[in-house]
């Protein structure tokens, strides 16, 4: 018989692999979205960051959110998750501070994948973001994206349904329309920059449309869920027999 020991006290539950930090947002979360637990075939645990609105994070790049982000991440660590991600790529601003403060892996932004995509394709990486006007050099640098790493950035902020449903939090969402908008942005991105070797979706609301983007552009597409799946394989290794 194998004896199993507590990892922490108190320990009222166990088994949540990935902790996910969320914003205080009012958006319908379809399957595929990071904030919909039905997206995953493994247990996840959510924690809302107090006071973290879309406006404060995306529009203001509010550094005052660091302490609430840290507090929420530490709570997830205490609750026993194996690694922590975010539900907005703009959380990149806090990647270094949070990862340095915790003893488990922290991967807050899907943008962390960009250096790997460039290294593996040897070509520029296309980034589709919620708002290209608000994605700054500080976000990229926090994810290890050097100034000489070739990226091309396009935003969704001018797409009517995405803007209304996500950025303005209208309370309703037409997923088919957002898919068409996202595919259109991706096709224009590749038409303007055919050398792009891979596409990275910054926004956690966009993974439901990755398959359609891949089919429309004939490029590999990466998003929050490709990153989360990679981390799960690291913290829960499969056995071979």
Foldseek 3Di string as FASTA:
>chain_A
DDDDDDPDPPAPDEFAAEEEEEEPAQFDADQQFPPDQNVDPGHYHYDYQPPGHCCCQQVVVPPVSLVSVLVRLVVVVNNYYQEYEYQAQSCLLNQVVNCVVDPHHYHHWLLLCLVVQCVVQVFEEEEEEQDPVRDDPSSNVSSVNDPPRHYHYDYLCPQVQSVVRPVVVVNDHDVVSVLVSVLVRLLVVCVVPVRHAEYEYGHSRPSVNQVVNCVSNVHHYYYPVVVVVVVCCVRPPDDDD
